[in-house]
């Protein structure tokens, strides 16, 4: 007989929660083959680029990136770090998943951070409660949103959770080996997404809560910190050089207060009155006679929550509810600890705990009732038509629709890079980095048709969400793709809207020198300069 291999409960639960998150995504209509969120198309093209780079035999990465961007101008490694794309690289190199397949991978990964709830509550003797609350965590509005879109917020929550566990092992036995393991996980978090840098604050807060000041005198701690910095700094140095002028948010007290309250509001929108349970669960962190395990878990949870709030308030960035993802499972852990504490305090406290549980579930129920199936613009079919026609296509639409078309085209091209895509906004209009000072550079259909002829466009695909023009240049483009184009306007496969698909009836050769000259390769030039090339 073969020996049975028993997985540790946290690892087994992570796999279980991954499949549950995928099932929930499918059941709620979240597995759309059209990546309609403004960031989804970029994340897909980034991962596909890394996979295609491996399949091509690891050519010069900068040259390969320039060529890839010329074909599919959604490539944006530099705006986001490469950590998660590198983790996905084996799957993308071996299987080259479609956008829907990549979304399924992302949905599975979105369930993984729930394992830390099982890990924490099992440490204090409540593994079954951990499993139940882990399942509930998957149903929270923010968790459901992050599972239904191809984003990086759940992967960074996973990386932060692993780094926090590694730090707790350091606190239990501060050996150089454990400190280096923490350094590796701490470096992984900001290499997945920028706000993962909050892990740097976790040790500081946890040391203060535990008053373990002698740890600061250990040389091994600072060696581990140097290792983490050395792993992260080169990438961010390059990224800052490439993105010079792109970071425009201004820090300050006004921003800090606004960000803090926005993040606390997002936490309330997900947990509601369960935050009272979390406050009760946090009490052992400040009681000297609390159980050692409960005290350590409570202090670690507060360290992650505090690090998230401090980082998001201090570092200027766009404020979105999904940015609290790293601290959300830890708030659930505290709520579980509070529930357990009240349950042991007698009938009145038990009734109060039950009432708080019911009230705490209300945001989850409300969120589930508001879930609609994701919009599907039919991107795979349109991309198939683009590949069959070949050559150079101009795509148009708001960021989500435009990104969905480019992502689907990158997959349909099959790695051959025989299809070129350009964005209408690059050729028919102009604006600054944030889209301000918008103006048309081709004000009439005739001028736009001249642009199409100059670049050798073989076709046009323009997304009309709710049958409205995305931009003023969208109306101009629609008029330009007239005589000499075979037009069709299929309705969205799901949702309200249509896509104009217009292909030339006569062969046309793309003007590649003009495309390469105007493809927006300033970032590539800055990257070469940053690398001294």
Protein backbone atom coordinates (compact mmCIF):
# COMPACT_ATOMS: atom_id res chain seq x y z
CA UNK A 1 0.00 0.00 0.00
CA UNK A 2 1.16 3.51 -0.75
CA UNK A 3 1.60 5.73 2.31
CA UNK A 4 -1.00 8.45 2.65
CA UNK A 5 0.31 11.99 2.42
CA UNK A 6 -1.56 14.30 4.76
CA UNK A 7 -1.30 17.97 3.92
CA UNK A 8 -1.13 20.41 6.84
CA UNK A 9 -4.54 21.94 7.46
CA UNK A 10 -3.58 25.50 6.33
CA UNK A 11 -2.20 24.19 3.00
CA UNK A 12 -5.18 21.89 2.41
CA UNK A 13 -7.55 24.75 3.25
CA UNK A 14 -5.74 27.08 0.83
CA UNK A 15 -6.37 24.60 -2.01
CA UNK A 16 -9.98 24.18 -0.92
CA UNK A 17 -10.56 27.95 -0.74
CA UNK A 18 -8.92 28.40 -4.15
CA UNK A 19 -11.40 26.03 -5.76
CA UNK A 20 -14.29 27.57 -3.82
CA UNK A 21 -13.33 31.05 -5.04
CA UNK A 22 -13.18 29.73 -8.61
CA UNK A 23 -16.59 28.08 -8.22
CA UNK A 24 -18.09 31.29 -6.81
CA UNK A 25 -16.62 33.28 -9.68
CA UNK A 26 -18.17 30.88 -12.20
CA UNK A 27 -21.55 30.74 -10.39
CA UNK A 28 -21.88 34.54 -10.32
CA UNK A 29 -21.01 35.06 -13.99
CA UNK A 30 -17.53 36.34 -13.26
CA UNK A 31 -15.62 34.20 -15.77
CA UNK A 32 -16.11 36.53 -18.72
CA UNK A 33 -13.81 35.90 -21.70
CA UNK A 34 -13.67 39.69 -22.15
CA UNK A 35 -11.38 41.34 -19.59
CA UNK A 36 -13.48 44.44 -19.14
CA UNK A 37 -11.87 46.03 -16.04
CA UNK A 38 -9.45 48.85 -17.04
CA UNK A 39 -6.48 46.98 -15.55
CA UNK A 40 -7.34 43.42 -16.56
CA UNK A 41 -6.12 43.58 -20.15
CA UNK A 42 -2.75 44.95 -19.04
CA UNK A 43 -2.26 42.24 -16.42
CA UNK A 44 -3.07 39.57 -18.99
CA UNK A 45 -0.74 40.96 -21.66
CA UNK A 46 2.04 41.31 -19.07
CA UNK A 47 1.75 37.65 -18.05
CA UNK A 48 1.44 36.53 -21.67
CA UNK A 49 4.54 38.55 -22.54
CA UNK A 50 6.60 36.76 -19.87
CA UNK A 51 5.31 33.39 -21.09
CA UNK A 52 6.05 34.22 -24.74
CA UNK A 53 9.50 35.50 -23.78
CA UNK A 54 10.27 32.13 -22.19
CA UNK A 55 8.84 30.26 -25.20
CA UNK A 56 11.03 32.38 -27.49
CA UNK A 57 14.16 31.18 -25.65
CA UNK A 58 14.88 34.15 -23.34
CA UNK A 59 15.91 36.76 -25.94
CA UNK A 60 17.05 40.26 -24.96
CA UNK A 61 14.16 41.33 -22.68
CA UNK A 62 14.21 45.03 -23.60
CA UNK A 63 14.20 44.39 -27.34
CA UNK A 64 11.52 41.74 -26.93
CA UNK A 65 9.41 44.11 -24.80
CA UNK A 66 9.66 46.87 -27.40
CA UNK A 67 8.59 44.55 -30.17
CA UNK A 68 5.77 43.13 -28.05
CA UNK A 69 4.49 46.61 -27.21
CA UNK A 70 4.49 47.50 -30.91
CA UNK A 71 2.13 44.58 -31.49
CA UNK A 72 0.01 44.79 -28.33
CA UNK A 73 0.21 48.23 -26.68
CA UNK A 74 -1.14 47.07 -23.34
CA UNK A 75 2.21 45.83 -22.09
CA UNK A 76 2.87 47.70 -18.86
CA UNK A 77 5.49 45.90 -16.77
CA UNK A 78 7.10 48.86 -15.06
CA UNK A 79 3.80 50.34 -13.98
CA UNK A 80 3.33 47.05 -12.08
CA UNK A 81 6.24 44.96 -10.83
CA UNK A 82 6.91 41.57 -12.42
CA UNK A 83 6.63 39.32 -9.34
CA UNK A 84 3.19 37.82 -9.96
CA UNK A 85 3.75 37.49 -13.69
CA UNK A 86 6.93 35.53 -13.01
CA UNK A 87 5.00 33.27 -10.62
CA UNK A 88 2.47 32.63 -13.40
CA UNK A 89 5.19 32.25 -16.03
CA UNK A 90 5.37 28.43 -16.04
CA UNK A 91 1.63 28.16 -16.72
CA UNK A 92 1.73 30.83 -19.42
CA UNK A 93 4.83 29.37 -21.04
CA UNK A 94 3.45 25.81 -21.08
CA UNK A 95 -0.24 26.37 -21.78
CA UNK A 96 -0.61 29.97 -23.01
CA UNK A 97 -4.06 30.33 -21.39
CA UNK A 98 -6.77 32.44 -22.96
CA UNK A 99 -8.05 35.53 -21.12
CA UNK A 100 -10.84 33.38 -19.63
CA UNK A 101 -8.26 30.79 -18.57
CA UNK A 102 -6.08 33.47 -16.99
CA UNK A 103 -9.13 34.78 -15.15
CA UNK A 104 -9.79 31.27 -13.80
CA UNK A 105 -6.19 31.10 -12.53
CA UNK A 106 -6.64 34.52 -10.92
CA UNK A 107 -9.95 33.48 -9.31
CA UNK A 108 -8.29 30.39 -7.82
CA UNK A 109 -5.43 32.52 -6.47
CA UNK A 110 -7.96 34.96 -4.98
CA UNK A 111 -9.13 32.28 -2.57
CA UNK A 112 -5.66 31.42 -1.26
CA UNK A 113 -5.29 34.27 1.31
CA UNK A 114 -8.19 32.75 3.28
CA UNK A 115 -5.78 30.05 4.49
CA UNK A 116 -4.25 32.51 6.97
CA UNK A 117 -7.60 32.63 8.82
CA UNK A 118 -7.45 28.85 9.30
CA UNK A 119 -3.79 29.04 10.31
CA UNK A 120 -4.40 31.74 12.93
CA UNK A 121 -7.54 30.29 14.50
CA UNK A 122 -6.06 26.79 14.51
CA UNK A 123 -3.15 28.20 16.56
CA UNK A 124 -5.61 29.15 19.30
CA UNK A 125 -7.58 25.91 19.11
CA UNK A 126 -10.43 26.80 16.73
CA UNK A 127 -9.65 25.15 13.35
CA UNK A 128 -13.30 24.55 12.42
CA UNK A 129 -14.16 28.18 13.11
CA UNK A 130 -11.21 29.10 10.90
CA UNK A 131 -12.62 27.00 8.06
CA UNK A 132 -16.08 28.55 8.47
CA UNK A 133 -14.76 32.11 8.60
CA UNK A 134 -12.42 31.42 5.68
CA UNK A 135 -15.45 30.44 3.61
CA UNK A 136 -17.28 33.57 4.77
CA UNK A 137 -14.25 35.68 3.85
CA UNK A 138 -14.59 34.50 0.25
CA UNK A 139 -18.13 35.92 0.20
CA UNK A 140 -17.19 39.41 1.43
CA UNK A 141 -17.89 42.11 -1.18
CA UNK A 142 -14.21 42.93 -1.65
CA UNK A 143 -13.15 39.29 -1.89
CA UNK A 144 -15.85 38.58 -4.46
CA UNK A 145 -14.86 41.60 -6.54
CA UNK A 146 -11.18 40.70 -6.48
CA UNK A 147 -11.96 37.09 -7.45
CA UNK A 148 -14.07 38.15 -10.45
CA UNK A 149 -11.41 40.40 -11.96
CA UNK A 150 -7.87 39.71 -13.06
CA UNK A 151 -6.13 41.98 -10.55
CA UNK A 152 -3.15 41.82 -8.19
CA UNK A 153 -4.84 42.65 -4.88
CA UNK A 154 -5.42 39.08 -3.71
CA UNK A 155 -1.92 37.92 -4.71
CA UNK A 156 -0.41 40.77 -2.69
CA UNK A 157 -2.69 39.85 0.24
CA UNK A 158 -1.31 36.31 -0.01
CA UNK A 159 2.29 37.54 -0.09
CA UNK A 160 1.69 39.78 2.94
CA UNK A 161 0.06 36.89 4.83
CA UNK A 162 3.05 34.62 4.16
CA UNK A 163 5.46 37.38 5.23
CA UNK A 164 3.47 37.95 8.44
CA UNK A 165 3.58 34.25 9.31
CA UNK A 166 7.31 34.22 8.62
CA UNK A 167 7.72 37.22 10.93
CA UNK A 168 5.81 35.48 13.71
CA UNK A 169 8.24 32.58 13.45
CA UNK A 170 11.06 35.10 13.85
CA UNK A 171 9.41 36.43 17.01
CA UNK A 172 9.12 32.88 18.37
CA UNK A 173 12.75 32.03 17.61
CA UNK A 174 14.84 34.85 16.09
CA UNK A 175 17.38 32.75 14.19
CA UNK A 176 19.19 34.02 11.11
CA UNK A 177 17.50 31.34 8.99
CA UNK A 178 14.02 32.47 10.00
CA UNK A 179 14.94 36.10 9.47
CA UNK A 180 16.17 35.36 5.95
CA UNK A 181 12.96 33.45 5.17
CA UNK A 182 11.02 36.51 6.30
CA UNK A 183 13.25 38.69 4.12
CA UNK A 184 12.39 36.59 1.05
CA UNK A 185 8.64 36.84 1.67
CA UNK A 186 8.96 40.54 2.57
CA UNK A 187 10.71 41.14 -0.76
CA UNK A 188 8.08 39.14 -2.65
CA UNK A 189 5.19 41.35 -1.50
CA UNK A 190 6.29 44.66 -3.14
CA UNK A 191 7.48 42.72 -6.19
CA UNK A 192 3.87 41.58 -6.65
CA UNK A 193 2.39 45.07 -6.21
CA UNK A 194 3.71 48.34 -4.86
CA UNK A 195 1.51 48.48 -1.75
CA UNK A 196 3.08 45.17 -0.69
CA UNK A 197 5.87 47.36 0.70
CA UNK A 198 3.67 47.71 3.80
CA UNK A 199 5.36 44.51 5.07
CA UNK A 200 8.29 46.69 6.12
CA UNK A 201 6.05 48.21 8.82
CA UNK A 202 4.86 44.88 10.27
CA UNK A 203 8.05 44.11 12.26
CA UNK A 204 8.23 47.67 13.61
CA UNK A 205 4.64 47.62 14.90
CA UNK A 206 4.88 44.05 16.21
CA UNK A 207 8.15 44.74 18.05
CA UNK A 208 6.54 47.79 19.66
CA UNK A 209 3.40 45.86 20.69
CA UNK A 210 5.49 43.03 22.17
CA UNK A 211 8.16 45.40 23.52
CA UNK A 212 10.88 43.17 22.08
CA UNK A 213 13.34 46.03 21.70
CA UNK A 214 16.45 43.80 22.07
CA UNK A 215 15.58 42.37 18.63
CA UNK A 216 16.68 45.67 17.13
CA UNK A 217 20.20 45.01 18.39
CA UNK A 218 20.52 41.75 16.50
CA UNK A 219 22.77 42.05 13.50
CA UNK A 220 20.86 39.22 11.77
CA UNK A 221 17.72 41.39 11.63
CA UNK A 222 19.51 44.13 9.75
CA UNK A 223 21.21 41.63 7.46
CA UNK A 224 17.77 40.27 6.59
CA UNK A 225 16.49 43.81 5.99
CA UNK A 226 19.43 44.49 3.68
CA UNK A 227 18.70 41.28 1.74
CA UNK A 228 15.07 42.32 1.23
CA UNK A 229 16.10 45.79 0.09
CA UNK A 230 18.69 44.41 -2.31
CA UNK A 231 16.07 42.15 -3.87
CA UNK A 232 13.49 44.92 -4.29
CA UNK A 233 15.46 48.13 -4.89
CA UNK A 234 16.87 47.41 -8.38
CA UNK A 235 13.44 46.89 -9.87
CA UNK A 236 11.95 50.02 -8.29
CA UNK A 237 14.94 52.09 -9.31
CA UNK A 238 14.35 51.08 -12.91
CA UNK A 239 10.60 51.55 -12.53
CA UNK A 240 10.92 55.08 -11.12
CA UNK A 241 13.30 56.05 -13.92
CA UNK A 242 10.89 54.73 -16.52
CA UNK A 243 7.82 56.30 -14.91
CA UNK A 244 9.32 59.72 -14.20
CA UNK A 245 6.51 62.26 -14.22
CA UNK A 246 3.85 59.59 -13.85
CA UNK A 247 3.53 59.75 -10.07
CA UNK A 248 1.52 62.88 -9.46
CA UNK A 249 -0.32 62.32 -6.18
CA UNK A 250 0.68 64.72 -3.44
CA UNK A 251 1.18 63.40 0.11
CA UNK A 252 0.29 65.44 3.15
CA UNK A 253 -1.97 65.49 6.18
CA UNK A 254 -5.05 66.16 4.07
CA UNK A 255 -4.34 63.16 1.89
CA UNK A 256 -3.49 61.01 4.93
CA UNK A 257 -6.80 61.72 6.65
CA UNK A 258 -8.76 61.20 3.45
CA UNK A 259 -7.01 57.89 2.75
CA UNK A 260 -7.39 56.69 6.34
CA UNK A 261 -11.12 57.33 6.46
CA UNK A 262 -11.63 55.86 2.99
CA UNK A 263 -9.87 52.66 4.05
CA UNK A 264 -11.80 52.43 7.32
CA UNK A 265 -15.02 52.96 5.37
CA UNK A 266 -14.05 50.14 3.01
CA UNK A 267 -13.42 47.90 6.04
CA UNK A 268 -16.85 48.79 7.44
CA UNK A 269 -18.50 48.13 4.07
CA UNK A 270 -17.13 44.59 4.21
CA UNK A 271 -17.46 43.64 7.88
CA UNK A 272 -20.07 46.01 9.28
CA UNK A 273 -20.89 45.28 12.92
CA UNK A 274 -18.45 42.38 12.88
CA UNK A 275 -15.85 45.09 13.52
CA UNK A 276 -17.17 45.15 17.12
CA UNK A 277 -16.24 41.47 17.34
CA UNK A 278 -12.83 42.36 15.91
CA UNK A 279 -12.36 45.00 18.62
CA UNK A 280 -13.15 42.36 21.27
CA UNK A 281 -10.75 39.96 19.55
CA UNK A 282 -7.99 42.57 19.65
CA UNK A 283 -8.22 42.89 23.45
CA UNK A 284 -5.72 40.05 24.22
CA UNK A 285 -3.05 42.10 22.47
CA UNK A 286 -3.16 44.53 25.40
CA UNK A 287 -3.79 42.10 28.30
CA UNK A 288 -0.69 40.82 30.03
CA UNK A 289 -2.46 37.70 31.34
CA UNK A 290 -4.01 36.65 28.05
CA UNK A 291 -3.05 33.28 26.61
CA UNK A 292 0.31 33.41 24.86
CA UNK A 293 -1.04 32.12 21.52
CA UNK A 294 -4.02 34.49 21.52
CA UNK A 295 -1.78 37.39 22.45
CA UNK A 296 0.71 36.67 19.65
CA UNK A 297 -2.02 36.25 17.02
CA UNK A 298 -3.88 39.40 18.13
CA UNK A 299 -0.70 41.47 18.06
CA UNK A 300 0.31 40.11 14.66
CA UNK A 301 -3.15 40.86 13.24
CA UNK A 302 -3.03 44.41 14.61
CA UNK A 303 0.44 44.81 13.13
CA UNK A 304 -0.77 43.88 9.63
CA UNK A 305 -3.87 46.06 9.92
CA UNK A 306 -1.87 48.99 11.29
CA UNK A 307 0.81 48.58 8.63
CA UNK A 308 -1.81 48.63 5.88
CA UNK A 309 -3.55 51.73 7.20
CA UNK A 310 -0.30 53.59 7.82
CA UNK A 311 1.16 52.74 4.44
CA UNK A 312 -1.99 53.64 2.52
CA UNK A 313 -2.23 56.93 4.41
CA UNK A 314 1.42 57.91 4.05
CA UNK A 315 2.20 56.86 0.47
CA UNK A 316 0.46 58.91 -2.21
CA UNK A 317 -1.58 56.67 -4.50
CA UNK A 318 -5.09 56.37 -5.85
CA UNK A 319 -7.48 55.43 -3.03
CA UNK A 320 -9.60 52.41 -3.87
CA UNK A 321 -11.42 50.00 -1.53
CA UNK A 322 -9.51 47.00 -2.92
CA UNK A 323 -6.27 48.40 -1.53
CA UNK A 324 -7.28 47.18 1.94
CA UNK A 325 -7.08 43.56 0.72
CA UNK A 326 -3.87 42.79 2.70
CA UNK A 327 -5.53 43.53 6.03
CA UNK A 328 -9.00 42.09 5.41
CA UNK A 329 -8.27 38.45 6.39
CA UNK A 330 -6.59 39.69 9.56
CA UNK A 331 -9.68 41.68 10.51
CA UNK A 332 -11.69 38.47 10.03
CA UNK A 333 -9.21 36.67 12.32
CA UNK A 334 -9.79 39.26 15.06
CA UNK A 335 -13.56 38.96 14.56
CA UNK A 336 -13.26 35.19 15.03
CA UNK A 337 -11.24 35.70 18.21
CA UNK A 338 -13.86 38.13 19.48
CA UNK A 339 -16.65 35.69 18.69
CA UNK A 340 -14.82 32.95 20.60
CA UNK A 341 -14.23 35.23 23.59
CA UNK A 342 -17.87 36.31 23.84
CA UNK A 343 -19.08 32.74 23.39
CA UNK A 344 -17.25 31.76 26.59
CA UNK A 345 -18.59 34.62 28.71
CA UNK A 346 -22.10 33.44 29.46
CA UNK A 347 -25.60 33.60 28.00
CA UNK A 348 -25.85 37.37 27.56
CA UNK A 349 -22.50 37.62 25.80
CA UNK A 350 -23.36 34.61 23.63
CA UNK A 351 -26.59 36.26 22.49
CA UNK A 352 -24.67 39.48 21.79
CA UNK A 353 -22.11 37.53 19.78
CA UNK A 354 -24.87 35.88 17.73
CA UNK A 355 -26.52 39.23 17.05
CA UNK A 356 -23.21 40.79 15.99
CA UNK A 357 -22.63 37.82 13.67
CA UNK A 358 -26.00 38.34 12.01
CA UNK A 359 -25.41 42.08 11.64
CA UNK A 360 -21.87 41.47 10.42
CA UNK A 361 -23.13 39.25 7.62
CA UNK A 362 -25.45 41.97 6.27
CA UNK A 363 -22.79 43.65 4.05
CA UNK A 364 -22.00 40.23 2.58
CA UNK A 365 -25.65 39.52 1.81
CA UNK A 366 -26.13 43.00 0.36
CA UNK A 367 -23.03 42.59 -1.78
CA UNK A 368 -24.19 39.25 -3.14
CA UNK A 369 -27.60 40.67 -4.09
CA UNK A 370 -25.89 43.41 -6.12
CA UNK A 371 -23.66 41.06 -8.10
CA UNK A 372 -24.34 41.03 -11.83
CA UNK A 373 -22.74 38.84 -14.45
CA UNK A 374 -19.70 40.56 -15.92
CA UNK A 375 -20.02 42.29 -19.27
CA UNK A 376 -18.80 40.25 -22.24
CA UNK A 377 -18.14 42.29 -25.37
CA UNK A 378 -17.40 39.16 -27.40
CA UNK A 379 -13.68 39.92 -27.53
CA UNK A 380 -12.51 36.40 -28.56
CA UNK A 381 -14.70 36.36 -31.68
CA UNK A 382 -13.61 39.87 -32.66
CA UNK A 383 -9.95 38.96 -32.08
CA UNK A 384 -10.46 35.92 -34.31
CA UNK A 385 -11.70 38.19 -37.09
CA UNK A 386 -8.69 40.47 -36.58
CA UNK A 387 -6.26 37.56 -36.88
CA UNK A 388 -7.98 36.20 -39.99
CA UNK A 389 -7.69 39.59 -41.69
CA UNK A 390 -4.18 40.10 -40.32
CA UNK A 391 -2.09 43.23 -40.57
CA UNK A 392 -2.64 46.29 -38.42
CA UNK A 393 -5.86 47.03 -36.54
CA UNK A 394 -6.93 50.19 -34.73
CA UNK A 395 -8.93 49.56 -31.56
CA UNK A 396 -11.01 52.06 -29.67
CA UNK A 397 -13.08 52.21 -26.53
CA UNK A 398 -12.83 53.04 -22.87
CA UNK A 399 -9.89 51.51 -21.06
CA UNK A 400 -11.71 48.27 -20.25
CA UNK A 401 -13.12 47.59 -23.71
CA UNK A 402 -9.91 48.62 -25.45
CA UNK A 403 -7.88 46.42 -23.09
CA UNK A 404 -10.22 43.46 -23.61
CA UNK A 405 -9.72 43.65 -27.38
CA UNK A 406 -5.93 43.92 -27.12
CA UNK A 407 -5.76 41.04 -24.64
CA UNK A 408 -7.92 38.80 -26.84
CA UNK A 409 -5.89 39.78 -29.92
CA UNK A 410 -2.61 38.95 -28.14
CA UNK A 411 -3.94 35.48 -27.35
CA UNK A 412 -5.47 34.87 -30.78
CA UNK A 413 -2.17 35.81 -32.44
CA UNK A 414 -0.73 32.64 -30.94
CA UNK A 415 2.70 34.09 -30.23
CA UNK A 416 3.42 34.61 -33.95
CA UNK A 417 3.31 38.43 -33.63
CA UNK A 418 1.85 38.76 -37.12
CA UNK A 419 -0.90 41.07 -35.88
CA UNK A 420 -0.31 44.71 -34.93
CA UNK A 421 -2.68 46.70 -32.77
CA UNK A 422 -2.73 50.47 -32.25
CA UNK A 423 -4.99 52.51 -30.03
CA UNK A 424 -7.18 55.16 -31.59
CA UNK A 425 -6.44 57.52 -28.70
CA UNK A 426 -2.76 57.56 -29.71
CA UNK A 427 -3.49 58.56 -33.30
CA UNK A 428 -6.71 60.58 -33.31
CA UNK A 429 -6.45 62.59 -30.08
CA UNK A 430 -3.96 63.96 -27.55
CA UNK A 431 -3.99 64.50 -23.76
CA UNK A 432 -1.61 64.55 -20.81
CA UNK A 433 -0.67 61.59 -18.63
CA UNK A 434 -3.95 61.68 -16.67
CA UNK A 435 -6.14 62.21 -19.72
CA UNK A 436 -6.60 65.95 -19.12
CA UNK A 437 -6.47 68.65 -21.79
CA UNK A 438 -8.08 66.22 -24.25
CA UNK A 439 -8.20 67.43 -27.86
CA UNK A 440 -8.78 65.89 -31.26
CA UNK A 441 -5.83 65.63 -33.62
CA UNK A 442 -8.09 64.29 -36.39
CA UNK A 443 -11.23 66.38 -36.15
CA UNK A 444 -13.17 65.01 -39.13
CA UNK A 445 -13.81 61.56 -40.61
CA UNK A 446 -11.74 62.57 -43.64
CA UNK A 447 -8.74 63.45 -41.45
CA UNK A 448 -9.16 60.21 -39.52
CA UNK A 449 -9.37 58.26 -42.79
CA UNK A 450 -6.08 59.85 -43.83
CA UNK A 451 -4.54 58.53 -40.60
CA UNK A 452 -5.92 55.03 -41.26
CA UNK A 453 -4.47 55.10 -44.77
CA UNK A 454 -1.08 56.43 -43.65
CA UNK A 455 -0.57 53.74 -41.02
CA UNK A 456 -1.96 51.03 -43.29
CA UNK A 457 -4.80 49.97 -40.99
CA UNK A 458 -6.40 46.72 -42.15
CA UNK A 459 -9.34 47.15 -39.80
CA UNK A 460 -11.05 49.02 -37.01
CA UNK A 461 -12.71 47.67 -33.84
CA UNK A 462 -14.54 50.23 -31.70
CA UNK A 463 -16.44 49.43 -28.50
CA UNK A 464 -19.72 51.23 -27.78
CA UNK A 465 -20.71 50.51 -24.19
CA UNK A 466 -24.44 51.14 -23.70
CA UNK A 467 -24.37 52.23 -27.37
CA UNK A 468 -22.50 55.41 -26.51
CA UNK A 469 -19.30 56.74 -28.03
CA UNK A 470 -16.35 56.26 -25.71
CA UNK A 471 -14.69 59.55 -26.74
CA UNK A 472 -15.22 62.31 -29.30
CA UNK A 473 -12.65 60.62 -31.54
CA UNK A 474 -14.82 57.46 -31.48
CA UNK A 475 -17.48 59.28 -33.50
CA UNK A 476 -14.82 60.49 -35.94
CA UNK A 477 -13.40 56.98 -36.29
CA UNK A 478 -16.79 55.49 -37.02
CA UNK A 479 -17.21 57.88 -39.92
CA UNK A 480 -13.70 57.16 -41.20
CA UNK A 481 -14.26 53.40 -41.50
CA UNK A 482 -16.72 53.80 -44.35
CA UNK A 483 -16.19 53.05 -48.06
CA UNK A 484 -13.65 50.29 -48.62
CA UNK A 485 -14.45 48.62 -45.28
CA UNK A 486 -16.76 45.68 -44.68
CA UNK A 487 -18.64 46.65 -41.52
CA UNK A 488 -20.45 44.64 -38.89
CA UNK A 489 -21.66 45.67 -35.46
CA UNK A 490 -22.30 42.64 -33.24
CA UNK A 491 -24.03 43.15 -29.93
CA UNK A 492 -22.24 42.34 -26.69
CA UNK A 493 -22.44 38.66 -25.80
CA UNK A 494 -23.54 39.82 -22.33
CA UNK A 495 -24.41 43.33 -21.26
CA UNK A 496 -25.54 46.45 -23.11
CA UNK A 497 -23.55 47.64 -26.10
CA UNK A 498 -22.01 46.72 -29.43
CA UNK A 499 -18.67 46.67 -31.22
CA UNK A 500 -18.08 48.15 -34.67
CA UNK A 501 -15.85 45.74 -36.59
CA UNK A 502 -14.73 47.12 -39.95
CA UNK A 503 -12.21 45.27 -42.13
CA UNK A 504 -10.67 46.57 -45.37
CA UNK A 505 -12.02 44.89 -48.47
CA UNK A 506 -8.66 45.30 -50.27
CA UNK A 507 -5.24 44.20 -48.94
CA UNK A 508 -3.15 46.87 -47.26
CA UNK A 509 0.42 46.86 -45.96
CA UNK A 510 1.04 48.23 -42.44
CA UNK A 511 3.39 51.21 -42.27
CA UNK A 512 5.68 49.67 -39.65
CA UNK A 513 8.35 52.40 -39.56
CA UNK A 514 5.66 54.96 -38.79
CA UNK A 515 4.14 52.68 -36.14
CA UNK A 516 7.47 52.10 -34.44
CA UNK A 517 8.24 55.82 -34.56
CA UNK A 518 4.95 56.73 -32.86
CA UNK A 519 4.18 53.71 -30.69
CA UNK A 520 4.90 55.58 -27.48
CA UNK A 521 8.27 53.98 -26.92
CA UNK A 522 9.55 56.78 -24.67
CA UNK A 523 9.30 54.41 -21.72
CA UNK A 524 11.51 51.88 -23.50
CA UNK A 525 14.05 54.62 -24.19
CA UNK A 526 14.00 55.65 -20.52
CA UNK A 527 14.48 52.03 -19.48
CA UNK A 528 17.53 51.68 -21.73
CA UNK A 529 18.88 54.91 -20.24
CA UNK A 530 18.25 53.65 -16.70
CA UNK A 531 20.15 50.46 -17.47
CA UNK A 532 22.99 52.37 -19.08
CA UNK A 533 22.31 50.96 -22.55
